[in-house]
Amino acid sequence: MTQSLSHLRAVLLVSVLAVSQISVAGAAEPARVVMQNGRSLPLTALTLQGPNLVVSAAAEGFQINQVIPLQTADHVYGEKPAEINQAVANLLTGKPRVARQLLEPIVAAHRITAKISGNFWLEAARALLVAHAINGESAECTAIGKEISESAITPGTDPFVALGKALLMSVLVKTSERETALRDLTNDKLPADLCAYAAYFCGNLLKKDKRNSEALEAYLTVPTLYPSGGLVLNAAAGIQAADLLTAPTQREEATALLRAAIIDAVGTPLVAEANKRLDSLK
């Protein structure tokens, strides 16, 4: 997070003024596993047994108990389950238990796709790790972090494990140490969603410490430096940033942030939060 605050605000204002042109996706299409030969099966018709997918319900010309080597699965097709965004919105607004309840069924149902390209399991599992960390559930956080790391195509510890450790740091630890742990996770060598989460929670830490200017900068880095981290993260950071833009001259920026958040967070509790703040600016 090395960009100047004025530069971040200028970049963000230009981008959010055009956000109304973004279209909202339709109803989610159930996930399917597509094979290398182009044939596919609904996720609900498959189970995982060792290195193989096994057909649990006859469909699409596949017979029950038919064995399909996992390595022949090409990718996962379909719309992301709506519960993932809803869960992320809840964990970012201090409701990690609600987020966990939404995520656990998704993680369980999509577990068999963990090693298949384009899966939704990884995002849900990483969000669940964050929810466990926020809720202080160290053992559960460690367990899901281990599972994520072991499911990776390339060996190694998943970078979200470090985020979990940073979020699990006791409130008795100096704020400066917790801040450093989060700032260390905001660099271009790490996944954008990880950087966005770290910047957001760093903003929360700074806001609680009444360092509002620094908190505003942290929040603004989410949609400006790490926009591909996720629309819900962008929306949550935008709402927090709008809360800190209290001067009369900043009303346009706050309004633009909140309108962008309403679009980015469609289908989640953040829409109501953004609308509430937008009404207060009228």
C-alpha atoms as a PDB file:
ATOM      1  CA  MET A   1       0.000   0.000   0.000  1.00  0.00           C
ATOM      2  CA  THR A   2       2.419   2.608  -1.234  1.00  0.00           C
ATOM      3  CA  GLN A   3       0.206   4.815  -3.462  1.00  0.00           C
ATOM      4  CA  SER A   4      -0.645   8.349  -2.250  1.00  0.00           C
ATOM      5  CA  LEU A   5      -4.124   8.827  -0.810  1.00  0.00           C
ATOM      6  CA  SER A   6      -4.982  11.593  -3.280  1.00  0.00           C
ATOM      7  CA  HIS A   7      -3.942   9.396  -6.214  1.00  0.00           C
ATOM      8  CA  LEU A   8      -6.018   6.459  -4.956  1.00  0.00           C
ATOM      9  CA  ARG A   9      -9.066   8.682  -4.563  1.00  0.00           C
ATOM     10  CA  ALA A  10      -8.667  10.155  -8.044  1.00  0.00           C
ATOM     11  CA  VAL A  11      -8.302   6.736  -9.670  1.00  0.00           C
ATOM     12  CA  LEU A  12     -11.244   5.312  -7.782  1.00  0.00           C
ATOM     13  CA  LEU A  13     -13.584   8.211  -8.537  1.00  0.00           C
ATOM     14  CA  VAL A  14     -12.984   7.839 -12.273  1.00  0.00           C
ATOM     15  CA  SER A  15     -13.669   4.099 -12.154  1.00  0.00           C
ATOM     16  CA  VAL A  16     -16.796   4.137 -10.006  1.00  0.00           C
ATOM     17  CA  LEU A  17     -18.496   6.850 -12.022  1.00  0.00           C
ATOM     18  CA  ALA A  18     -18.715   4.319 -14.873  1.00  0.00           C
ATOM     19  CA  VAL A  19     -19.886   1.419 -12.716  1.00  0.00           C
ATOM     20  CA  SER A  20     -23.549   1.823 -13.672  1.00  0.00           C
ATOM     21  CA  GLN A  21     -22.742   0.252 -17.039  1.00  0.00           C
ATOM     22  CA  ILE A  22     -22.019  -3.119 -15.415  1.00  0.00           C
ATOM     23  CA  SER A  23     -24.794  -5.666 -15.995  1.00  0.00           C
ATOM     24  CA  VAL A  24     -26.093  -7.979 -13.312  1.00  0.00           C
ATOM     25  CA  ALA A  25     -25.818 -11.719 -13.992  1.00  0.00           C
ATOM     26  CA  GLY A  26     -28.900 -13.897 -14.178  1.00  0.00           C
ATOM     27  CA  ALA A  27     -29.790 -16.942 -12.154  1.00  0.00           C
ATOM     28  CA  ALA A  28     -26.918 -19.260 -11.312  1.00  0.00           C
ATOM     29  CA  GLU A  29     -26.449 -22.363 -13.446  1.00  0.00           C
ATOM     30  CA  PRO A  30     -25.603 -25.490 -11.397  1.00  0.00           C
ATOM     31  CA  ALA A  31     -21.964 -26.574 -11.540  1.00  0.00           C
ATOM     32  CA  ARG A  32     -20.927 -29.305 -13.949  1.00  0.00           C
ATOM     33  CA  VAL A  33     -17.657 -31.165 -14.370  1.00  0.00           C
ATOM     34  CA  VAL A  34     -16.497 -31.049 -17.993  1.00  0.00           C
ATOM     35  CA  MET A  35     -14.259 -33.849 -19.223  1.00  0.00           C
ATOM     36  CA  GLN A  36     -11.403 -33.504 -21.688  1.00  0.00           C
ATOM     37  CA  ASN A  37     -13.565 -35.064 -24.411  1.00  0.00           C
ATOM     38  CA  GLY A  38     -16.182 -32.332 -23.960  1.00  0.00           C
ATOM     39  CA  ARG A  39     -18.776 -34.465 -22.177  1.00  0.00           C
ATOM     40  CA  SER A  40     -19.982 -33.257 -18.807  1.00  0.00           C
ATOM     41  CA  LEU A  41     -21.868 -34.320 -15.708  1.00  0.00           C
ATOM     42  CA  PRO A  42     -23.659 -32.383 -12.952  1.00  0.00           C
ATOM     43  CA  LEU A  43     -21.559 -32.123  -9.827  1.00  0.00           C
ATOM     44  CA  THR A  44     -24.425 -33.734  -7.912  1.00  0.00           C
ATOM     45  CA  ALA A  45     -24.060 -36.903 -10.006  1.00  0.00           C
ATOM     46  CA  LEU A  46     -20.457 -37.519  -8.949  1.00  0.00           C
ATOM     47  CA  THR A  47     -18.488 -38.648  -5.922  1.00  0.00           C
ATOM     48  CA  LEU A  48     -14.744 -38.816  -5.374  1.00  0.00           C
ATOM     49  CA  GLN A  49     -13.095 -42.117  -4.513  1.00  0.00           C
ATOM     50  CA  GLY A  50      -9.335 -41.912  -4.325  1.00  0.00           C
ATOM     51  CA  PRO A  51      -7.957 -40.753  -7.709  1.00  0.00           C
ATOM     52  CA  ASN A  52     -11.282 -41.306  -9.471  1.00  0.00           C
ATOM     53  CA  LEU A  53     -14.642 -39.664  -9.961  1.00  0.00           C
ATOM     54  CA  VAL A  54     -17.469 -42.173  -9.651  1.00  0.00           C
ATOM     55  CA  VAL A  55     -20.915 -41.654 -11.167  1.00  0.00           C
ATOM     56  CA  SER A  56     -23.458 -41.800  -8.349  1.00  0.00           C
ATOM     57  CA  ALA A  57     -26.533 -41.113 -10.488  1.00  0.00           C
ATOM     58  CA  ALA A  58     -26.926 -42.090 -14.130  1.00  0.00           C
ATOM     59  CA  ALA A  59     -26.978 -39.003 -16.347  1.00  0.00           C
ATOM     60  CA  GLU A  60     -25.827 -37.672 -19.726  1.00  0.00           C
ATOM     61  CA  GLY A  61     -25.111 -41.199 -20.994  1.00  0.00           C
ATOM     62  CA  PHE A  62     -22.948 -42.093 -17.991  1.00  0.00           C
ATOM     63  CA  GLN A  63     -23.917 -45.157 -15.994  1.00  0.00           C
ATOM     64  CA  ILE A  64     -24.130 -45.434 -12.215  1.00  0.00           C
ATOM     65  CA  ASN A  65     -20.848 -46.615 -10.639  1.00  0.00           C
ATOM     66  CA  GLN A  66     -18.951 -45.758 -13.817  1.00  0.00           C
ATOM     67  CA  VAL A  67     -15.379 -44.774 -12.907  1.00  0.00           C
ATOM     68  CA  ILE A  68     -13.799 -41.664 -14.425  1.00  0.00           C
ATOM     69  CA  PRO A  69     -10.127 -40.882 -13.694  1.00  0.00           C
ATOM     70  CA  LEU A  70      -9.918 -37.509 -11.991  1.00  0.00           C
ATOM     71  CA  GLN A  71      -7.074 -36.507 -14.296  1.00  0.00           C
ATOM     72  CA  THR A  72      -9.453 -36.619 -17.272  1.00  0.00           C
ATOM     73  CA  ALA A  73     -11.633 -33.856 -15.772  1.00  0.00           C
ATOM     74  CA  ASP A  74     -10.864 -30.628 -17.636  1.00  0.00           C
ATOM     75  CA  HIS A  75     -12.722 -27.892 -15.781  1.00  0.00           C
ATOM     76  CA  VAL A  76     -15.770 -26.908 -13.753  1.00  0.00           C
ATOM     77  CA  TYR A  77     -18.551 -25.099 -15.605  1.00  0.00           C
ATOM     78  CA  GLY A  78     -21.457 -23.112 -14.180  1.00  0.00           C
ATOM     79  CA  GLU A  79     -22.230 -20.036 -12.106  1.00  0.00           C
ATOM     80  CA  LYS A  80     -20.623 -19.411  -8.743  1.00  0.00           C
ATOM     81  CA  PRO A  81     -22.981 -20.386  -5.891  1.00  0.00           C
ATOM     82  CA  ALA A  82     -24.673 -17.242  -4.572  1.00  0.00           C
ATOM     83  CA  GLU A  83     -23.915 -18.329  -1.002  1.00  0.00           C
ATOM     84  CA  ILE A  84     -20.209 -17.552  -1.492  1.00  0.00           C
ATOM     85  CA  ASN A  85     -20.742 -13.824  -2.049  1.00  0.00           C
ATOM     86  CA  GLN A  86     -23.352 -13.726   0.696  1.00  0.00           C
ATOM     87  CA  ALA A  87     -20.884 -15.365   3.070  1.00  0.00           C
ATOM     88  CA  VAL A  88     -18.048 -12.993   2.161  1.00  0.00           C
ATOM     89  CA  ALA A  89     -20.357 -10.038   2.783  1.00  0.00           C
ATOM     90  CA  ASN A  90     -21.214 -11.412   6.215  1.00  0.00           C
ATOM     91  CA  LEU A  91     -17.641 -12.125   7.271  1.00  0.00           C
ATOM     92  CA  LEU A  92     -16.595  -8.621   6.178  1.00  0.00           C
ATOM     93  CA  THR A  93     -19.336  -7.079   8.308  1.00  0.00           C
ATOM     94  CA  GLY A  94     -18.552  -8.910  11.521  1.00  0.00           C
ATOM     95  CA  LYS A  95     -20.775 -11.957  11.100  1.00  0.00           C
ATOM     96  CA  PRO A  96     -18.282 -14.831  10.683  1.00  0.00           C
ATOM     97  CA  ARG A  97     -20.649 -17.403  12.200  1.00  0.00           C
ATOM     98  CA  VAL A  98     -23.290 -16.643   9.568  1.00  0.00           C
ATOM     99  CA  ALA A  99     -20.587 -16.797   6.900  1.00  0.00           C
ATOM    100  CA  ARG A 100     -19.446 -20.189   8.176  1.00  0.00           C
ATOM    101  CA  GLN A 101     -22.987 -21.576   8.026  1.00  0.00           C
ATOM    102  CA  LEU A 102     -23.278 -20.465   4.396  1.00  0.00           C
ATOM    103  CA  LEU A 103     -19.847 -21.704   3.352  1.00  0.00           C
ATOM    104  CA  GLU A 104     -19.612 -25.123   4.985  1.00  0.00           C
ATOM    105  CA  PRO A 105     -22.245 -26.766   2.717  1.00  0.00           C
ATOM    106  CA  ILE A 106     -20.566 -25.295  -0.389  1.00  0.00           C
ATOM    107  CA  VAL A 107     -17.129 -26.481   0.712  1.00  0.00           C
ATOM    108  CA  ALA A 108     -18.526 -29.955   1.360  1.00  0.00           C
ATOM    109  CA  ALA A 109     -20.500 -30.189  -1.887  1.00  0.00           C
ATOM    110  CA  HIS A 110     -17.666 -28.903  -4.089  1.00  0.00           C
ATOM    111  CA  ARG A 111     -14.804 -30.706  -2.326  1.00  0.00           C
ATOM    112  CA  ILE A 112     -14.523 -33.272  -5.125  1.00  0.00           C
ATOM    113  CA  THR A 113     -13.626 -30.470  -7.574  1.00  0.00           C
ATOM    114  CA  ALA A 114     -10.757 -29.088  -5.483  1.00  0.00           C
ATOM    115  CA  LYS A 115      -8.128 -30.281  -7.961  1.00  0.00           C
ATOM    116  CA  ILE A 116     -10.109 -29.384 -11.090  1.00  0.00           C
ATOM    117  CA  SER A 117      -9.494 -26.126 -12.938  1.00  0.00           C
ATOM    118  CA  GLY A 118     -12.100 -23.384 -12.535  1.00  0.00           C
ATOM    119  CA  ASN A 119     -13.590 -24.813  -9.354  1.00  0.00           C
ATOM    120  CA  PHE A 120     -15.596 -22.780  -6.860  1.00  0.00           C
ATOM    121  CA  TRP A 121     -14.290 -24.806  -3.944  1.00  0.00           C
ATOM    122  CA  LEU A 122     -11.078 -22.833  -3.515  1.00  0.00           C
ATOM    123  CA  GLU A 123     -12.781 -19.455  -3.113  1.00  0.00           C
ATOM    124  CA  ALA A 124     -15.302 -20.906  -0.672  1.00  0.00           C
ATOM    125  CA  ALA A 125     -12.625 -22.748   1.319  1.00  0.00           C
ATOM    126  CA  ARG A 126     -10.427 -19.657   1.548  1.00  0.00           C
ATOM    127  CA  ALA A 127     -13.394 -17.570   2.693  1.00  0.00           C
ATOM    128  CA  LEU A 128     -14.173 -20.245   5.295  1.00  0.00           C
ATOM    129  CA  LEU A 129     -10.574 -20.024   6.512  1.00  0.00           C
ATOM    130  CA  VAL A 130     -11.029 -16.263   6.960  1.00  0.00           C
ATOM    131  CA  ALA A 131     -14.326 -16.790   8.791  1.00  0.00           C
ATOM    132  CA  HIS A 132     -12.706 -19.265  11.195  1.00  0.00           C
ATOM    133  CA  ALA A 133      -9.804 -16.862  11.800  1.00  0.00           C
ATOM    134  CA  ILE A 134     -12.068 -13.882  12.520  1.00  0.00           C
ATOM    135  CA  ASN A 135     -14.061 -16.034  14.920  1.00  0.00           C
ATOM    136  CA  GLY A 136     -10.877 -17.095  16.725  1.00  0.00           C
ATOM    137  CA  GLU A 137     -11.260 -20.745  15.721  1.00  0.00           C
ATOM    138  CA  SER A 138      -7.580 -21.612  15.456  1.00  0.00           C
ATOM    139  CA  ALA A 139      -7.909 -25.389  15.078  1.00  0.00           C
ATOM    140  CA  GLU A 140     -10.558 -25.128  12.362  1.00  0.00           C
ATOM    141  CA  CYS A 141      -8.542 -22.433  10.580  1.00  0.00           C
ATOM    142  CA  THR A 142      -5.454 -24.646  10.595  1.00  0.00           C
ATOM    143  CA  ALA A 143      -7.419 -27.661   9.357  1.00  0.00           C
ATOM    144  CA  ILE A 144      -8.980 -25.914   6.354  1.00  0.00           C
ATOM    145  CA  GLY A 145      -5.643 -24.251   5.570  1.00  0.00           C
ATOM    146  CA  LYS A 146      -3.996 -27.672   5.472  1.00  0.00           C
ATOM    147  CA  GLU A 147      -6.735 -29.035   3.221  1.00  0.00           C
ATOM    148  CA  ILE A 148      -6.420 -26.089   0.830  1.00  0.00           C
ATOM    149  CA  SER A 149      -2.639 -26.475   0.670  1.00  0.00           C
ATOM    150  CA  GLU A 150      -2.853 -30.222   0.032  1.00  0.00           C
ATOM    151  CA  SER A 151      -5.412 -29.688  -2.732  1.00  0.00           C
ATOM    152  CA  ALA A 152      -3.191 -27.278  -4.670  1.00  0.00           C
ATOM    153  CA  ILE A 153      -1.850 -28.426  -8.020  1.00  0.00           C
ATOM    154  CA  THR A 154       1.584 -27.055  -7.135  1.00  0.00           C
ATOM    155  CA  PRO A 155       3.020 -28.162  -3.771  1.00  0.00           C
ATOM    156  CA  GLY A 156       3.381 -25.660  -0.954  1.00  0.00           C
ATOM    157  CA  THR A 157       1.506 -23.819   1.747  1.00  0.00           C
ATOM    158  CA  ASP A 158      -1.417 -21.792   0.447  1.00  0.00           C
ATOM    159  CA  PRO A 159      -0.803 -18.035   0.983  1.00  0.00           C
ATOM    160  CA  PHE A 160      -4.169 -17.677   2.749  1.00  0.00           C
ATOM    161  CA  VAL A 161      -2.683 -19.618   5.663  1.00  0.00           C
ATOM    162  CA  ALA A 162      -0.575 -16.547   6.448  1.00  0.00           C
ATOM    163  CA  LEU A 163      -3.700 -14.378   6.405  1.00  0.00           C
ATOM    164  CA  GLY A 164      -5.368 -16.731   8.857  1.00  0.00           C
ATOM    165  CA  LYS A 165      -2.394 -16.453  11.213  1.00  0.00           C
ATOM    166  CA  ALA A 166      -2.446 -12.651  10.973  1.00  0.00           C
ATOM    167  CA  LEU A 167      -6.172 -12.488  11.750  1.00  0.00           C
ATOM    168  CA  LEU A 168      -5.796 -14.924  14.644  1.00  0.00           C
ATOM    169  CA  MET A 169      -3.254 -12.693  16.407  1.00  0.00           C
ATOM    170  CA  SER A 170      -4.481 -11.792  19.867  1.00  0.00           C
ATOM    171  CA  VAL A 171      -5.802  -8.310  20.590  1.00  0.00           C
ATOM    172  CA  LEU A 172      -3.132  -8.269  23.286  1.00  0.00           C
ATOM    173  CA  VAL A 173      -0.499  -8.164  20.545  1.00  0.00           C
ATOM    174  CA  LYS A 174       0.585  -4.617  19.710  1.00  0.00           C
ATOM    175  CA  THR A 175      -1.431  -2.964  16.968  1.00  0.00           C
ATOM    176  CA  SER A 176       1.786  -2.214  15.109  1.00  0.00           C
ATOM    177  CA  GLU A 177       2.641  -5.922  14.937  1.00  0.00           C
ATOM    178  CA  ARG A 178      -0.804  -6.898  13.703  1.00  0.00           C
ATOM    179  CA  GLU A 179      -0.694  -4.072  11.156  1.00  0.00           C
ATOM    180  CA  THR A 180       2.701  -5.226   9.882  1.00  0.00           C
ATOM    181  CA  ALA A 181       1.463  -8.809   9.528  1.00  0.00           C
ATOM    182  CA  LEU A 182      -1.415  -7.616   7.326  1.00  0.00           C
ATOM    183  CA  ARG A 183       0.608  -5.101   5.309  1.00  0.00           C
ATOM    184  CA  ASP A 184       3.139  -7.827   4.513  1.00  0.00           C
ATOM    185  CA  LEU A 185       0.322  -9.613   2.655  1.00  0.00           C
ATOM    186  CA  THR A 186      -0.340  -6.701   0.288  1.00  0.00           C
ATOM    187  CA  ASN A 187       2.104  -7.053  -2.563  1.00  0.00           C
ATOM    188  CA  ASP A 188       1.902  -7.938  -6.237  1.00  0.00           C
ATOM    189  CA  LYS A 189       3.514 -11.348  -5.726  1.00  0.00           C
ATOM    190  CA  LEU A 190       0.456 -12.632  -3.865  1.00  0.00           C
ATOM    191  CA  PRO A 191      -3.078 -13.398  -5.145  1.00  0.00           C
ATOM    192  CA  ALA A 192      -5.248 -10.315  -5.569  1.00  0.00           C
ATOM    193  CA  ASP A 193      -8.015 -11.652  -3.315  1.00  0.00           C
ATOM    194  CA  LEU A 194      -5.518 -12.239  -0.517  1.00  0.00           C
ATOM    195  CA  CYS A 195      -4.168  -8.696  -0.876  1.00  0.00           C
ATOM    196  CA  ALA A 196      -7.704  -7.299  -0.894  1.00  0.00           C
ATOM    197  CA  TYR A 197      -8.654  -9.163   2.293  1.00  0.00           C
ATOM    198  CA  ALA A 198      -5.423  -8.063   4.008  1.00  0.00           C
ATOM    199  CA  ALA A 199      -5.881  -4.415   3.000  1.00  0.00           C
ATOM    200  CA  TYR A 200      -9.507  -4.458   4.160  1.00  0.00           C
ATOM    201  CA  PHE A 201      -8.725  -5.902   7.576  1.00  0.00           C
ATOM    202  CA  CYS A 202      -5.771  -3.562   7.909  1.00  0.00           C
ATOM    203  CA  GLY A 203      -8.230  -0.725   7.312  1.00  0.00           C
ATOM    204  CA  ASN A 204     -10.474  -2.100  10.071  1.00  0.00           C
ATOM    205  CA  LEU A 205      -7.508  -2.209  12.446  1.00  0.00           C
ATOM    206  CA  LEU A 206      -6.468   1.361  11.647  1.00  0.00           C
ATOM    207  CA  LYS A 207     -10.049   2.651  11.890  1.00  0.00           C
ATOM    208  CA  LYS A 208     -10.435   1.098  15.335  1.00  0.00           C
ATOM    209  CA  ASP A 209      -7.181   2.828  16.305  1.00  0.00           C
ATOM    210  CA  LYS A 210      -8.712   6.136  15.090  1.00  0.00           C
ATOM    211  CA  ARG A 211      -6.092   6.532  12.355  1.00  0.00           C
ATOM    212  CA  ASN A 212      -8.765   7.470   9.862  1.00  0.00           C
ATOM    213  CA  SER A 213      -6.567   8.854   7.092  1.00  0.00           C
ATOM    214  CA  GLU A 214      -4.475   5.664   7.036  1.00  0.00           C
ATOM    215  CA  ALA A 215      -7.611   3.539   7.276  1.00  0.00           C
ATOM    216  CA  LEU A 216      -9.104   5.350   4.284  1.00  0.00           C
ATOM    217  CA  GLU A 217      -5.963   4.668   2.277  1.00  0.00           C
ATOM    218  CA  ALA A 218      -6.084   0.977   3.198  1.00  0.00           C
ATOM    219  CA  TYR A 219      -9.734   0.662   2.169  1.00  0.00           C
ATOM    220  CA  LEU A 220      -9.181   2.485  -1.121  1.00  0.00           C
ATOM    221  CA  THR A 221      -6.363   0.143  -2.113  1.00  0.00           C
ATOM    222  CA  VAL A 222      -8.876  -2.711  -2.327  1.00  0.00           C
ATOM    223  CA  PRO A 223     -10.804  -1.466  -5.400  1.00  0.00           C
ATOM    224  CA  THR A 224      -7.886   0.482  -6.908  1.00  0.00           C
ATOM    225  CA  LEU A 225      -4.869  -1.804  -6.525  1.00  0.00           C
ATOM    226  CA  TYR A 226      -6.619  -5.175  -6.135  1.00  0.00           C
ATOM    227  CA  PRO A 227      -9.961  -4.837  -7.988  1.00  0.00           C
ATOM    228  CA  SER A 228      -9.793  -8.422  -9.247  1.00  0.00           C
ATOM    229  CA  GLY A 229      -9.871  -9.611  -5.642  1.00  0.00           C
ATOM    230  CA  GLY A 230     -13.661  -9.709  -5.808  1.00  0.00           C
ATOM    231  CA  LEU A 231     -16.671  -7.446  -6.239  1.00  0.00           C
ATOM    232  CA  VAL A 232     -17.919  -8.027  -2.705  1.00  0.00           C
ATOM    233  CA  LEU A 233     -14.546  -7.057  -1.243  1.00  0.00           C
ATOM    234  CA  ASN A 234     -14.590  -3.927  -3.410  1.00  0.00           C
ATOM    235  CA  ALA A 235     -18.083  -3.090  -2.189  1.00  0.00           C
ATOM    236  CA  ALA A 236     -17.300  -3.619   1.491  1.00  0.00           C
ATOM    237  CA  ALA A 237     -14.141  -1.507   1.245  1.00  0.00           C
ATOM    238  CA  GLY A 238     -16.055   1.188  -0.627  1.00  0.00           C
ATOM    239  CA  ILE A 239     -18.696   1.373   2.101  1.00  0.00           C
ATOM    240  CA  GLN A 240     -16.032   1.679   4.789  1.00  0.00           C
ATOM    241  CA  ALA A 241     -14.205   4.343   2.800  1.00  0.00           C
ATOM    242  CA  ALA A 242     -17.442   6.293   2.279  1.00  0.00           C
ATOM    243  CA  ASP A 243     -17.937   6.351   6.054  1.00  0.00           C
ATOM    244  CA  LEU A 244     -14.585   8.107   6.388  1.00  0.00           C
ATOM    245  CA  LEU A 245     -15.296  10.710   3.693  1.00  0.00           C
ATOM    246  CA  THR A 246     -17.170  13.051   6.011  1.00  0.00           C
ATOM    247  CA  ALA A 247     -16.198  16.520   4.713  1.00  0.00           C
ATOM    248  CA  PRO A 248     -18.825  18.320   2.562  1.00  0.00           C
ATOM    249  CA  THR A 249     -16.353  18.425  -0.344  1.00  0.00           C
ATOM    250  CA  GLN A 250     -16.110  14.629  -0.260  1.00  0.00           C
ATOM    251  CA  ARG A 251     -19.830  13.976  -0.708  1.00  0.00           C
ATOM    252  CA  GLU A 252     -19.457  13.196  -4.431  1.00  0.00           C
ATOM    253  CA  GLU A 253     -16.776  10.605  -3.721  1.00  0.00           C
ATOM    254  CA  ALA A 254     -18.777   8.987  -0.924  1.00  0.00           C
ATOM    255  CA  THR A 255     -21.911   8.859  -3.091  1.00  0.00           C
ATOM    256  CA  ALA A 256     -20.016   7.297  -6.007  1.00  0.00           C
ATOM    257  CA  LEU A 257     -18.481   4.677  -3.720  1.00  0.00           C
ATOM    258  CA  LEU A 258     -21.848   3.717  -2.280  1.00  0.00           C
ATOM    259  CA  ARG A 259     -23.544   3.498  -5.680  1.00  0.00           C
ATOM    260  CA  ALA A 260     -20.739   1.274  -6.908  1.00  0.00           C
ATOM    261  CA  ALA A 261     -21.077  -0.880  -3.790  1.00  0.00           C
ATOM    262  CA  ILE A 262     -24.805  -1.382  -4.421  1.00  0.00           C
ATOM    263  CA  ILE A 263     -24.019  -2.837  -7.857  1.00  0.00           C
ATOM    264  CA  ASP A 264     -20.952  -4.842  -6.819  1.00  0.00           C
ATOM    265  CA  ALA A 265     -22.671  -6.397  -3.807  1.00  0.00           C
ATOM    266  CA  VAL A 266     -25.947  -7.374  -5.479  1.00  0.00           C
ATOM    267  CA  GLY A 267     -27.551 -10.328  -3.730  1.00  0.00           C
ATOM    268  CA  THR A 268     -25.721  -9.721  -0.441  1.00  0.00           C
ATOM    269  CA  PRO A 269     -26.463  -7.865   2.831  1.00  0.00           C
ATOM    270  CA  LEU A 270     -24.041  -5.121   1.781  1.00  0.00           C
ATOM    271  CA  VAL A 271     -26.675  -3.649  -0.542  1.00  0.00           C
ATOM    272  CA  ALA A 272     -28.842  -2.655   2.428  1.00  0.00           C
ATOM    273  CA  GLU A 273     -25.806  -1.205   4.221  1.00  0.00           C
ATOM    274  CA  ALA A 274     -24.854   0.894   1.202  1.00  0.00           C
ATOM    275  CA  ASN A 275     -28.433   2.103   0.658  1.00  0.00           C
ATOM    276  CA  LYS A 276     -28.693   3.116   4.298  1.00  0.00           C
ATOM    277  CA  ARG A 277     -25.576   5.261   4.030  1.00  0.00           C
ATOM    278  CA  LEU A 278     -26.629   6.673   0.679  1.00  0.00           C
ATOM    279  CA  ASP A 279     -29.933   7.814   2.166  1.00  0.00           C
ATOM    280  CA  SER A 280     -28.072   9.603   4.966  1.00  0.00           C
ATOM    281  CA  LEU A 281     -26.186  11.676   2.390  1.00  0.00           C
ATOM    282  CA  LYS A 282     -29.371  13.045   0.810  1.00  0.00           C
END
